PDB file of N, CA and C in Angstrom:
ATOM      1  N   MET A   1       0.825  -1.261  -0.202  1.00  0.00           N
ATOM      2  CA  MET A   1      -0.126  -0.091   0.109  1.00  0.00           C
ATOM      3  C   MET A   1       1.398   1.592   0.067  1.00  0.00           C
ATOM      4  N   ALA A   2       1.003   1.806  -1.224  1.00  0.00           N
ATOM      5  CA  ALA A   2       1.737   2.762  -1.289  1.00  0.00           C
ATOM      6  C   ALA A   2       0.940   4.830  -1.484  1.00  0.00           C
ATOM      7  N   ILE A   3       0.614   5.028  -0.305  1.00  0.00           N
ATOM      8  CA  ILE A   3      -0.301   6.273   0.801  1.00  0.00           C
ATOM      9  C   ILE A   3       0.903   7.116   0.959  1.00  0.00           C
ATOM     10  N   ARG A   4       1.291   7.916   0.380  1.00  0.00           N
ATOM     11  CA  ARG A   4       2.158   9.738   0.498  1.00  0.00           C
ATOM     12  C   ARG A   4       0.682  10.889   0.734  1.00  0.00           C
ATOM     13  N   ILE A   5       1.333  11.363   1.871  1.00  0.00           N
ATOM     14  CA  ILE A   5       0.480  12.812   1.856  1.00  0.00           C
ATOM     15  C   ILE A   5       2.164  14.254   1.411  1.00  0.00           C
ATOM     16  N   LYS A   6       1.168  15.358   1.024  1.00  0.00           N
ATOM     17  CA  LYS A   6       1.484  16.536   0.148  1.00  0.00           C
ATOM     18  C   LYS A   6       0.987  17.592   0.841  1.00  0.00           C
ATOM     19  N   ARG A   7       1.427  18.559   1.267  1.00  0.00           N
ATOM     20  CA  ARG A   7       1.256  19.683   0.832  1.00  0.00           C
ATOM     21  C   ARG A   7       0.765  20.495  -0.557  1.00  0.00           C
ATOM     22  N   ALA A   8      -0.865  21.306  -0.524  1.00  0.00           N
ATOM     23  CA  ALA A   8      -0.999  21.535  -1.656  1.00  0.00           C
ATOM     24  C   ALA A   8      -0.123  22.578  -2.339  1.00  0.00           C
ATOM     25  N   TYR A   9       0.724  23.129  -1.545  1.00  0.00           N
ATOM     26  CA  TYR A   9       1.984  24.440  -1.740  1.00  0.00           C
ATOM     27  C   TYR A   9       3.119  23.878  -1.975  1.00  0.00           C
ATOM     28  N   GLU A  10       3.398  22.214  -2.539  1.00  0.00           N
ATOM     29  CA  GLU A  10       4.307  22.090  -3.058  1.00  0.00           C
ATOM     30  C   GLU A  10       4.494  21.423  -4.391  1.00  0.00           C
ATOM     31  N   ARG A  11       6.119  20.859  -4.840  1.00  0.00           N
ATOM     32  CA  ARG A  11       5.675  21.272  -6.435  1.00  0.00           C
ATOM     33  C   ARG A  11       5.315  19.173  -6.373  1.00  0.00           C
ATOM     34  N   PRO A  12       4.229  19.466  -7.597  1.00  0.00           N
ATOM     35  CA  PRO A  12       3.619  17.328  -8.349  1.00  0.00           C
ATOM     36  C   PRO A  12       4.969  17.141  -8.307  1.00  0.00           C
ATOM     37  N   ALA A  13       4.803  15.904  -8.417  1.00  0.00           N
ATOM     38  CA  ALA A  13       5.970  15.421  -8.998  1.00  0.00           C
ATOM     39  C   ALA A  13       5.155  13.885  -9.464  1.00  0.00           C
ATOM     40  N   LYS A  14       5.920  13.353 -10.399  1.00  0.00           N
ATOM     41  CA  LYS A  14       5.575  11.815 -11.191  1.00  0.00           C
ATOM     42  C   LYS A  14       5.314  10.720 -10.187  1.00  0.00           C
ATOM     43  N   SER A  15       6.044  11.746  -9.296  1.00  0.00           N
ATOM     44  CA  SER A  15       6.054   9.566  -8.061  1.00  0.00           C
ATOM     45  C   SER A  15       5.009   9.847  -7.492  1.00  0.00           C
ATOM     46  N   ASP A  16       4.286  11.050  -7.053  1.00  0.00           N
ATOM     47  CA  ASP A  16       2.744  11.140  -6.241  1.00  0.00           C
ATOM     48  C   ASP A  16       2.054  10.415  -6.948  1.00  0.00           C
ATOM     49  N   GLY A  17       1.988   9.611  -8.335  1.00  0.00           N
ATOM     50  CA  GLY A  17       1.311   8.696  -8.403  1.00  0.00           C
ATOM     51  C   GLY A  17      -0.704   9.519  -8.870  1.00  0.00           C
ATOM     52  N   VAL A  18      -1.678   9.295  -8.050  1.00  0.00           N
ATOM     53  CA  VAL A  18      -2.700   9.882  -8.234  1.00  0.00           C
ATOM     54  C   VAL A  18      -2.816  10.809  -7.386  1.00  0.00           C
ATOM     55  N   ARG A  19      -2.650  12.038  -7.690  1.00  0.00           N
ATOM     56  CA  ARG A  19      -3.180  13.093  -6.177  1.00  0.00           C
ATOM     57  C   ARG A  19      -4.856  13.616  -5.766  1.00  0.00           C
ATOM     58  N   ILE A  20      -4.618  13.402  -5.012  1.00  0.00           N
ATOM     59  CA  ILE A  20      -6.196  13.441  -4.644  1.00  0.00           C
ATOM     60  C   ILE A  20      -6.401  14.621  -3.536  1.00  0.00           C
ATOM     61  N   LEU A  21      -7.338  15.452  -4.029  1.00  0.00           N
ATOM     62  CA  LEU A  21      -7.113  16.621  -2.976  1.00  0.00           C
ATOM     63  C   LEU A  21      -8.037  16.422  -1.292  1.00  0.00           C
ATOM     64  N   VAL A  22      -7.912  15.903  -0.283  1.00  0.00           N
ATOM     65  CA  VAL A  22      -8.816  15.451   1.042  1.00  0.00           C
ATOM     66  C   VAL A  22      -9.095  16.786   1.911  1.00  0.00           C
ATOM     67  N   ASP A  23      -8.777  18.442   1.049  1.00  0.00           N
ATOM     68  CA  ASP A  23      -9.818  18.721   1.464  1.00  0.00           C
ATOM     69  C   ASP A  23     -11.744  19.787   1.053  1.00  0.00           C
ATOM     70  N   ARG A  24     -12.232  20.006   2.039  1.00  0.00           N
ATOM     71  CA  ARG A  24     -13.429  20.476   2.075  1.00  0.00           C
ATOM     72  C   ARG A  24     -13.745  21.732   1.095  1.00  0.00           C
ATOM     73  N   VAL A  25     -12.842  23.302   1.353  1.00  0.00           N
ATOM     74  CA  VAL A  25     -12.326  23.959   1.020  1.00  0.00           C
ATOM     75  C   VAL A  25     -10.920  23.875  -0.365  1.00  0.00           C
ATOM     76  N   TRP A  26     -11.116  25.044  -1.259  1.00  0.00           N
ATOM     77  CA  TRP A  26     -10.307  24.861  -2.142  1.00  0.00           C
ATOM     78  C   TRP A  26      -8.740  25.306  -1.407  1.00  0.00           C
ATOM     79  N   PRO A  27      -7.112  24.879  -2.033  1.00  0.00           N
ATOM     80  CA  PRO A  27      -6.504  25.813  -1.080  1.00  0.00           C
ATOM     81  C   PRO A  27      -6.377  27.440  -1.616  1.00  0.00           C
ATOM     82  N   ARG A  28      -6.305  28.054  -0.834  1.00  0.00           N
ATOM     83  CA  ARG A  28      -6.033  29.568  -0.976  1.00  0.00           C
ATOM     84  C   ARG A  28      -5.246  29.222  -2.114  1.00  0.00           C
ATOM     85  N   GLY A  29      -4.586  30.037  -3.467  1.00  0.00           N
ATOM     86  CA  GLY A  29      -4.205  30.610  -4.265  1.00  0.00           C
ATOM     87  C   GLY A  29      -3.270  30.163  -4.779  1.00  0.00           C
ATOM     88  N   ARG A  30      -4.592  28.520  -5.089  1.00  0.00           N
ATOM     89  CA  ARG A  30      -3.697  27.658  -6.145  1.00  0.00           C
ATOM     90  C   ARG A  30      -4.883  27.562  -7.160  1.00  0.00           C
ATOM     91  N   SER A  31      -4.213  27.279  -7.986  1.00  0.00           N
ATOM     92  CA  SER A  31      -4.695  27.276  -9.472  1.00  0.00           C
ATOM     93  C   SER A  31      -5.053  25.410  -9.509  1.00  0.00           C
ATOM     94  N   LYS A  32      -5.978  25.392 -10.380  1.00  0.00           N
ATOM     95  CA  LYS A  32      -5.987  23.939 -11.105  1.00  0.00           C
ATOM     96  C   LYS A  32      -4.399  23.172 -11.672  1.00  0.00           C
ATOM     97  N   GLU A  33      -4.231  24.085 -12.730  1.00  0.00           N
ATOM     98  CA  GLU A  33      -2.713  23.452 -13.072  1.00  0.00           C
ATOM     99  C   GLU A  33      -1.693  23.675 -12.047  1.00  0.00           C
ATOM    100  N   GLU A  34      -2.040  24.607 -10.715  1.00  0.00           N
ATOM    101  CA  GLU A  34      -0.729  24.406 -10.415  1.00  0.00           C
ATOM    102  C   GLU A  34      -0.324  22.930  -9.696  1.00  0.00           C
ATOM    103  N   LEU A  35      -2.225  22.779  -8.960  1.00  0.00           N
ATOM    104  CA  LEU A  35      -2.698  21.310  -8.017  1.00  0.00           C
ATOM    105  C   LEU A  35      -1.968  20.207  -8.984  1.00  0.00           C
ATOM    106  N   ARG A  36      -2.355  20.208 -10.483  1.00  0.00           N
ATOM    107  CA  ARG A  36      -2.289  19.075 -10.775  1.00  0.00           C
ATOM    108  C   ARG A  36      -3.219  17.724 -10.299  1.00  0.00           C
ATOM    109  N   LEU A  37      -4.529  18.023 -10.183  1.00  0.00           N
ATOM    110  CA  LEU A  37      -4.981  16.650  -9.183  1.00  0.00           C
ATOM    111  C   LEU A  37      -5.380  16.236 -10.045  1.00  0.00           C
ATOM    112  N   ASP A  38      -5.774  14.289  -9.816  1.00  0.00           N
ATOM    113  CA  ASP A  38      -6.262  13.726 -10.717  1.00  0.00           C
ATOM    114  C   ASP A  38      -8.227  13.480 -10.400  1.00  0.00           C
ATOM    115  N   ARG A  39      -7.726  13.704  -8.361  1.00  0.00           N
ATOM    116  CA  ARG A  39      -9.369  14.208  -7.772  1.00  0.00           C
ATOM    117  C   ARG A  39      -9.673  14.716  -7.119  1.00  0.00           C
ATOM    118  N   TRP A  40     -10.118  14.595  -6.355  1.00  0.00           N
ATOM    119  CA  TRP A  40     -10.702  16.231  -5.489  1.00  0.00           C
ATOM    120  C   TRP A  40     -11.723  15.502  -4.903  1.00  0.00           C
ATOM    121  N   GLU A  41     -11.862  14.773  -3.440  1.00  0.00           N
ATOM    122  CA  GLU A  41     -12.581  14.247  -2.889  1.00  0.00           C
ATOM    123  C   GLU A  41     -13.747  15.296  -1.617  1.00  0.00           C
ATOM    124  N   LYS A  42     -14.245  16.257  -1.598  1.00  0.00           N
ATOM    125  CA  LYS A  42     -14.614  16.726  -0.855  1.00  0.00           C
ATOM    126  C   LYS A  42     -15.465  16.095   0.311  1.00  0.00           C
ATOM    127  N   GLU A  43     -15.935  15.064   0.369  1.00  0.00           N
ATOM    128  CA  GLU A  43     -16.622  14.277   1.130  1.00  0.00           C
ATOM    129  C   GLU A  43     -16.302  13.141   1.913  1.00  0.00           C
ATOM    130  N   ILE A  44     -14.967  12.999   1.865  1.00  0.00           N
ATOM    131  CA  ILE A  44     -13.969  12.504   2.352  1.00  0.00           C
ATOM    132  C   ILE A  44     -13.323  13.327   3.644  1.00  0.00           C
ATOM    133  N   ALA A  45     -13.515  14.414   2.733  1.00  0.00           N
ATOM    134  CA  ALA A  45     -12.612  15.312   4.099  1.00  0.00           C
ATOM    135  C   ALA A  45     -14.021  15.791   5.585  1.00  0.00           C
ATOM    136  N   PRO A  46     -13.246  16.220   6.370  1.00  0.00           N
ATOM    137  CA  PRO A  46     -13.712  16.721   7.775  1.00  0.00           C
ATOM    138  C   PRO A  46     -15.472  17.362   7.444  1.00  0.00           C
ATOM    139  N   SER A  47     -15.791  17.229   8.176  1.00  0.00           N
ATOM    140  CA  SER A  47     -16.956  18.242   7.912  1.00  0.00           C
ATOM    141  C   SER A  47     -16.736  19.722   8.943  1.00  0.00           C
ATOM    142  N   THR A  48     -17.747  20.559   8.256  1.00  0.00           N
ATOM    143  CA  THR A  48     -17.707  22.070   8.352  1.00  0.00           C
ATOM    144  C   THR A  48     -17.031  22.256   9.857  1.00  0.00           C
ATOM    145  N   ALA A  49     -18.204  21.447  10.274  1.00  0.00           N
ATOM    146  CA  ALA A  49     -18.508  21.778  12.063  1.00  0.00           C
ATOM    147  C   ALA A  49     -17.149  20.648  12.518  1.00  0.00           C
ATOM    148  N   LEU A  50     -16.688  20.574  12.115  1.00  0.00           N
ATOM    149  CA  LEU A  50     -15.209  18.916  12.749  1.00  0.00           C
ATOM    150  C   LEU A  50     -13.997  19.936  12.658  1.00  0.00           C
ATOM    151  N   ARG A  51     -14.322  20.486  11.648  1.00  0.00           N
ATOM    152  CA  ARG A  51     -12.742  21.094  11.041  1.00  0.00           C
ATOM    153  C   ARG A  51     -12.663  21.988  12.027  1.00  0.00           C
ATOM    154  N   LYS A  52     -13.604  23.036  12.163  1.00  0.00           N
ATOM    155  CA  LYS A  52     -13.185  24.618  12.982  1.00  0.00           C
ATOM    156  C   LYS A  52     -13.837  24.327  14.076  1.00  0.00           C
ATOM    157  N   TRP A  53     -14.382  23.247  14.515  1.00  0.00           N
ATOM    158  CA  TRP A  53     -13.768  22.359  16.709  1.00  0.00           C
ATOM    159  C   TRP A  53     -12.084  22.165  16.670  1.00  0.00           C
ATOM    160  N   PHE A  54     -11.768  21.839  15.806  1.00  0.00           N
ATOM    161  CA  PHE A  54     -10.478  21.472  15.713  1.00  0.00           C
ATOM    162  C   PHE A  54      -9.552  22.326  15.588  1.00  0.00           C
ATOM    163  N   ALA A  55      -9.631  23.119  14.493  1.00  0.00           N
ATOM    164  CA  ALA A  55      -9.010  24.239  14.240  1.00  0.00           C
ATOM    165  C   ALA A  55      -6.756  24.314  14.465  1.00  0.00           C
ATOM    166  N   HIS A  56      -6.892  23.048  14.450  1.00  0.00           N
ATOM    167  CA  HIS A  56      -5.282  22.337  13.966  1.00  0.00           C
ATOM    168  C   HIS A  56      -4.343  22.366  15.553  1.00  0.00           C
ATOM    169  N   ASP A  57      -5.582  22.514  15.990  1.00  0.00           N
ATOM    170  CA  ASP A  57      -5.285  22.561  18.087  1.00  0.00           C
ATOM    171  C   ASP A  57      -4.178  20.917  18.240  1.00  0.00           C
ATOM    172  N   PRO A  58      -3.009  21.098  18.330  1.00  0.00           N
ATOM    173  CA  PRO A  58      -2.362  19.909  18.828  1.00  0.00           C
ATOM    174  C   PRO A  58      -3.366  18.883  19.681  1.00  0.00           C
ATOM    175  N   ALA A  59      -4.263  20.255  21.026  1.00  0.00           N
ATOM    176  CA  ALA A  59      -4.178  19.283  22.097  1.00  0.00           C
ATOM    177  C   ALA A  59      -5.213  19.029  21.598  1.00  0.00           C
ATOM    178  N   LYS A  60      -5.908  18.905  20.666  1.00  0.00           N
ATOM    179  CA  LYS A  60      -7.803  18.336  19.873  1.00  0.00           C
ATOM    180  C   LYS A  60      -7.613  16.706  19.529  1.00  0.00           C
ATOM    181  N   TRP A  61      -6.227  16.717  19.285  1.00  0.00           N
ATOM    182  CA  TRP A  61      -5.517  15.888  18.073  1.00  0.00           C
ATOM    183  C   TRP A  61      -6.090  14.793  18.095  1.00  0.00           C
ATOM    184  N   ALA A  62      -5.919  13.449  19.381  1.00  0.00           N
ATOM    185  CA  ALA A  62      -6.733  12.535  19.778  1.00  0.00           C
ATOM    186  C   ALA A  62      -7.987  12.349  19.346  1.00  0.00           C
ATOM    187  N   ALA A  63      -8.941  13.539  19.816  1.00  0.00           N
ATOM    188  CA  ALA A  63      -9.786  13.818  20.091  1.00  0.00           C
ATOM    189  C   ALA A  63     -10.661  13.979  18.238  1.00  0.00           C
ATOM    190  N   PHE A  64      -9.387  14.877  17.223  1.00  0.00           N
ATOM    191  CA  PHE A  64     -10.131  15.110  16.286  1.00  0.00           C
ATOM    192  C   PHE A  64     -10.322  13.388  15.791  1.00  0.00           C
ATOM    193  N   LYS A  65      -8.990  13.182  15.330  1.00  0.00           N
ATOM    194  CA  LYS A  65      -9.094  11.460  14.674  1.00  0.00           C
ATOM    195  C   LYS A  65     -10.053  10.599  15.281  1.00  0.00           C
ATOM    196  N   ARG A  66     -10.371  11.022  16.749  1.00  0.00           N
ATOM    197  CA  ARG A  66     -11.963  10.033  16.792  1.00  0.00           C
ATOM    198  C   ARG A  66     -12.815   9.883  16.427  1.00  0.00           C
ATOM    199  N   LYS A  67     -13.256  11.201  15.865  1.00  0.00           N
ATOM    200  CA  LYS A  67     -14.575  12.329  15.788  1.00  0.00           C
ATOM    201  C   LYS A  67     -14.425  11.817  13.910  1.00  0.00           C
ATOM    202  N   TYR A  68     -12.999  12.173  13.819  1.00  0.00           N
ATOM    203  CA  TYR A  68     -13.361  11.999  11.942  1.00  0.00           C
ATOM    204  C   TYR A  68     -13.321  10.244  11.508  1.00  0.00           C
ATOM    205  N   ARG A  69     -12.950   9.767  12.116  1.00  0.00           N
ATOM    206  CA  ARG A  69     -12.857   8.045  11.963  1.00  0.00           C
ATOM    207  C   ARG A  69     -14.533   7.850  12.216  1.00  0.00           C
ATOM    208  N   ALA A  70     -15.009   7.974  12.991  1.00  0.00           N
ATOM    209  CA  ALA A  70     -16.403   7.871  13.207  1.00  0.00           C
ATOM    210  C   ALA A  70     -17.068   8.827  11.475  1.00  0.00           C
ATOM    211  N   GLU A  71     -16.955  10.004  11.804  1.00  0.00           N
ATOM    212  CA  GLU A  71     -17.225  10.582  10.138  1.00  0.00           C
ATOM    213  C   GLU A  71     -17.195   9.808   8.939  1.00  0.00           C
ATOM    214  N   LEU A  72     -16.376   9.136   8.468  1.00  0.00           N
ATOM    215  CA  LEU A  72     -15.012   8.130   8.038  1.00  0.00           C
ATOM    216  C   LEU A  72     -16.309   6.764   7.935  1.00  0.00           C
ATOM    217  N   LYS A  73     -16.548   6.649   8.910  1.00  0.00           N
ATOM    218  CA  LYS A  73     -17.226   5.216   9.445  1.00  0.00           C
ATOM    219  C   LYS A  73     -18.342   4.570   7.933  1.00  0.00           C
ATOM    220  N   GLY A  74     -18.061   3.280   6.905  1.00  0.00           N
ATOM    221  CA  GLY A  74     -18.455   2.866   6.073  1.00  0.00           C
ATOM    222  C   GLY A  74     -18.876   3.674   4.898  1.00  0.00           C
ATOM    223  N   SER A  75     -17.680   4.865   4.975  1.00  0.00           N
ATOM    224  CA  SER A  75     -18.078   5.942   3.480  1.00  0.00           C
ATOM    225  C   SER A  75     -17.134   4.878   2.784  1.00  0.00           C
ATOM    226  N   PRO A  76     -18.213   4.676   1.161  1.00  0.00           N
ATOM    227  CA  PRO A  76     -17.877   3.845   0.175  1.00  0.00           C
ATOM    228  C   PRO A  76     -16.562   4.625  -0.545  1.00  0.00           C
ATOM    229  N   VAL A  77     -15.847   6.126   0.046  1.00  0.00           N
ATOM    230  CA  VAL A  77     -15.148   6.663  -0.862  1.00  0.00           C
ATOM    231  C   VAL A  77     -13.538   6.533   0.247  1.00  0.00           C
ATOM    232  N   LEU A  78     -14.000   6.454   1.128  1.00  0.00           N
ATOM    233  CA  LEU A  78     -12.603   5.767   2.048  1.00  0.00           C
ATOM    234  C   LEU A  78     -12.184   4.118   0.981  1.00  0.00           C
ATOM    235  N   ALA A  79     -13.114   3.367   0.730  1.00  0.00           N
ATOM    236  CA  ALA A  79     -12.936   1.824   0.573  1.00  0.00           C
ATOM    237  C   ALA A  79     -12.669   1.818  -0.445  1.00  0.00           C
ATOM    238  N   GLU A  80     -12.829   2.901  -1.504  1.00  0.00           N
ATOM    239  CA  GLU A  80     -12.090   2.845  -3.043  1.00  0.00           C
ATOM    240  C   GLU A  80     -10.547   3.737  -2.721  1.00  0.00           C
ATOM    241  N   LEU A  81     -10.676   4.627  -2.067  1.00  0.00           N
ATOM    242  CA  LEU A  81      -8.994   4.299  -1.615  1.00  0.00           C
ATOM    243  C   LEU A  81      -8.435   4.255  -1.363  1.00  0.00           C
ATOM    244  N   ARG A  82      -9.203   2.521  -0.303  1.00  0.00           N
ATOM    245  CA  ARG A  82      -8.385   1.667   0.136  1.00  0.00           C
ATOM    246  C   ARG A  82      -7.228   0.405  -1.503  1.00  0.00           C
ATOM    247  N   ALA A  83      -8.470   0.566  -1.999  1.00  0.00           N
ATOM    248  CA  ALA A  83      -8.785  -0.116  -2.969  1.00  0.00           C
ATOM    249  C   ALA A  83      -7.011   0.234  -4.345  1.00  0.00           C
ATOM    250  N   LEU A  84      -7.500   1.272  -4.633  1.00  0.00           N
ATOM    251  CA  LEU A  84      -6.508   2.042  -5.999  1.00  0.00           C
ATOM    252  C   LEU A  84      -5.382   1.991  -4.786  1.00  0.00           C
ATOM    253  N   SER A  85      -5.392   2.429  -3.387  1.00  0.00           N
ATOM    254  CA  SER A  85      -3.671   2.524  -3.147  1.00  0.00           C
ATOM    255  C   SER A  85      -3.189   1.346  -2.662  1.00  0.00           C
ATOM    256  N   ARG A  86      -3.875  -0.132  -3.411  1.00  0.00           N
ATOM    257  CA  ARG A  86      -3.123  -1.867  -3.809  1.00  0.00           C
ATOM    258  C   ARG A  86      -2.887  -1.708  -4.756  1.00  0.00           C
ATOM    259  N   ALA A  87      -3.153  -0.622  -5.739  1.00  0.00           N
ATOM    260  CA  ALA A  87      -2.703  -0.590  -6.965  1.00  0.00           C
ATOM    261  C   ALA A  87      -1.787   0.345  -8.175  1.00  0.00           C
ATOM    262  N   ARG A  88      -1.754   1.782  -7.049  1.00  0.00           N
ATOM    263  CA  ARG A  88      -0.515   2.132  -6.785  1.00  0.00           C
ATOM    264  C   ARG A  88      -0.584   3.391  -6.210  1.00  0.00           C
ATOM    265  N   THR A  89       0.318   4.655  -6.682  1.00  0.00           N
ATOM    266  CA  THR A  89       0.900   4.885  -5.216  1.00  0.00           C
ATOM    267  C   THR A  89       0.049   6.448  -5.555  1.00  0.00           C
ATOM    268  N   VAL A  90      -0.659   6.753  -4.050  1.00  0.00           N
ATOM    269  CA  VAL A  90      -1.849   7.263  -4.113  1.00  0.00           C
ATOM    270  C   VAL A  90      -1.084   8.890  -3.117  1.00  0.00           C
ATOM    271  N   THR A  91      -1.138   9.694  -3.579  1.00  0.00           N
ATOM    272  CA  THR A  91      -0.860  10.961  -3.127  1.00  0.00           C
ATOM    273  C   THR A  91      -1.752  12.005  -2.217  1.00  0.00           C
ATOM    274  N   LEU A  92      -2.242  11.517  -0.756  1.00  0.00           N
ATOM    275  CA  LEU A  92      -2.876  12.816  -0.381  1.00  0.00           C
ATOM    276  C   LEU A  92      -3.021  14.245  -0.466  1.00  0.00           C
ATOM    277  N   VAL A  93      -3.466  15.204  -0.943  1.00  0.00           N
ATOM    278  CA  VAL A  93      -2.963  16.036  -0.817  1.00  0.00           C
ATOM    279  C   VAL A  93      -3.670  17.353   0.198  1.00  0.00           C
ATOM    280  N   TYR A  94      -3.330  18.106   0.490  1.00  0.00           N
ATOM    281  CA  TYR A  94      -4.209  18.955   1.729  1.00  0.00           C
ATOM    282  C   TYR A  94      -3.622  20.471   1.926  1.00  0.00           C
ATOM    283  N   GLY A  95      -3.984  21.911   2.759  1.00  0.00           N
ATOM    284  CA  GLY A  95      -3.690  22.647   2.424  1.00  0.00           C
ATOM    285  C   GLY A  95      -3.137  23.064   4.129  1.00  0.00           C
ATOM    286  N   ALA A  96      -3.597  22.588   5.116  1.00  0.00           N
ATOM    287  CA  ALA A  96      -3.231  22.660   6.313  1.00  0.00           C
ATOM    288  C   ALA A  96      -1.869  23.345   6.504  1.00  0.00           C
ATOM    289  N   LYS A  97      -1.142  24.432   7.253  1.00  0.00           N
ATOM    290  CA  LYS A  97       0.028  24.845   7.561  1.00  0.00           C
ATOM    291  C   LYS A  97       0.392  23.925   8.733  1.00  0.00           C
ATOM    292  N   ASP A  98      -0.121  23.121   8.691  1.00  0.00           N
ATOM    293  CA  ASP A  98       0.470  22.221  10.542  1.00  0.00           C
ATOM    294  C   ASP A  98       0.994  20.718   9.545  1.00  0.00           C
ATOM    295  N   GLU A  99       1.795  20.344   8.963  1.00  0.00           N
ATOM    296  CA  GLU A  99       1.751  18.823   8.916  1.00  0.00           C
ATOM    297  C   GLU A  99       2.205  18.345   9.148  1.00  0.00           C
ATOM    298  N   GLU A 100       1.830  18.406  10.788  1.00  0.00           N
ATOM    299  CA  GLU A 100       1.829  16.895  11.608  1.00  0.00           C
ATOM    300  C   GLU A 100       0.421  15.925  12.223  1.00  0.00           C
ATOM    301  N   HIS A 101      -0.839  17.710  11.870  1.00  0.00           N
ATOM    302  CA  HIS A 101      -2.162  17.507  12.500  1.00  0.00           C
ATOM    303  C   HIS A 101      -2.931  18.020  11.695  1.00  0.00           C
ATOM    304  N   ASN A 102      -3.374  17.618  10.624  1.00  0.00           N
ATOM    305  CA  ASN A 102      -4.386  17.435   9.468  1.00  0.00           C
ATOM    306  C   ASN A 102      -4.940  16.330   9.088  1.00  0.00           C
ATOM    307  N   GLN A 103      -6.205  16.917   8.716  1.00  0.00           N
ATOM    308  CA  GLN A 103      -7.227  16.016   7.712  1.00  0.00           C
ATOM    309  C   GLN A 103      -6.083  14.298   7.203  1.00  0.00           C
ATOM    310  N   ALA A 104      -4.966  14.724   6.356  1.00  0.00           N
ATOM    311  CA  ALA A 104      -4.293  14.103   5.386  1.00  0.00           C
ATOM    312  C   ALA A 104      -3.397  12.842   5.802  1.00  0.00           C
ATOM    313  N   VAL A 105      -2.729  12.840   7.483  1.00  0.00           N
ATOM    314  CA  VAL A 105      -2.083  12.443   8.095  1.00  0.00           C
ATOM    315  C   VAL A 105      -3.332  10.944   8.478  1.00  0.00           C
ATOM    316  N   ALA A 106      -4.492  11.879   9.161  1.00  0.00           N
ATOM    317  CA  ALA A 106      -4.724  11.116  10.380  1.00  0.00           C
ATOM    318  C   ALA A 106      -5.626   9.901   8.545  1.00  0.00           C
ATOM    319  N   LEU A 107      -5.833  10.736   7.301  1.00  0.00           N
ATOM    320  CA  LEU A 107      -6.770   9.912   6.334  1.00  0.00           C
ATOM    321  C   LEU A 107      -5.913   8.457   5.499  1.00  0.00           C
ATOM    322  N   LYS A 108      -4.324   9.083   6.149  1.00  0.00           N
ATOM    323  CA  LYS A 108      -3.390   7.501   6.154  1.00  0.00           C
ATOM    324  C   LYS A 108      -3.097   6.684   6.906  1.00  0.00           C
ATOM    325  N   GLU A 109      -3.532   7.112   8.084  1.00  0.00           N
ATOM    326  CA  GLU A 109      -3.596   5.995   9.298  1.00  0.00           C
ATOM    327  C   GLU A 109      -4.818   5.299   9.425  1.00  0.00           C
ATOM    328  N   PHE A 110      -5.889   6.041   8.859  1.00  0.00           N
ATOM    329  CA  PHE A 110      -7.344   4.930   8.811  1.00  0.00           C
ATOM    330  C   PHE A 110      -7.085   4.236   7.524  1.00  0.00           C
ATOM    331  N   LEU A 111      -6.338   4.735   6.013  1.00  0.00           N
ATOM    332  CA  LEU A 111      -6.218   3.835   4.948  1.00  0.00           C
ATOM    333  C   LEU A 111      -5.620   2.463   5.413  1.00  0.00           C
ATOM    334  N   ARG A 112      -4.305   2.427   6.343  1.00  0.00           N
ATOM    335  CA  ARG A 112      -3.503   1.337   6.502  1.00  0.00           C
ATOM    336  C   ARG A 112      -4.327   0.409   7.350  1.00  0.00           C
TER     337      ARG A 112
END
């Protein structure tokens, strides 16, 4: 299973494989051409309420992951991403500044 994560503000690379944006909102200041995405999976992003509650506060990280996992439970997109990552490299693209506490990090963990 080859799953990578990358900020939307980093340069895309051929080694990224399938690039999937996992944010509910489009990254500021980035164009479609700059991101070179294969898909945008808004449905797999945390709900707006959860995202606002979390606010990338490291003290809320464990609770965020629990709540986010509950939101994802039974998601057909989650199963689809697991299958895709078995066949190809998948890069989860996110816009958050915090590289350790964001939905892409949590999602990568859930997919494994």
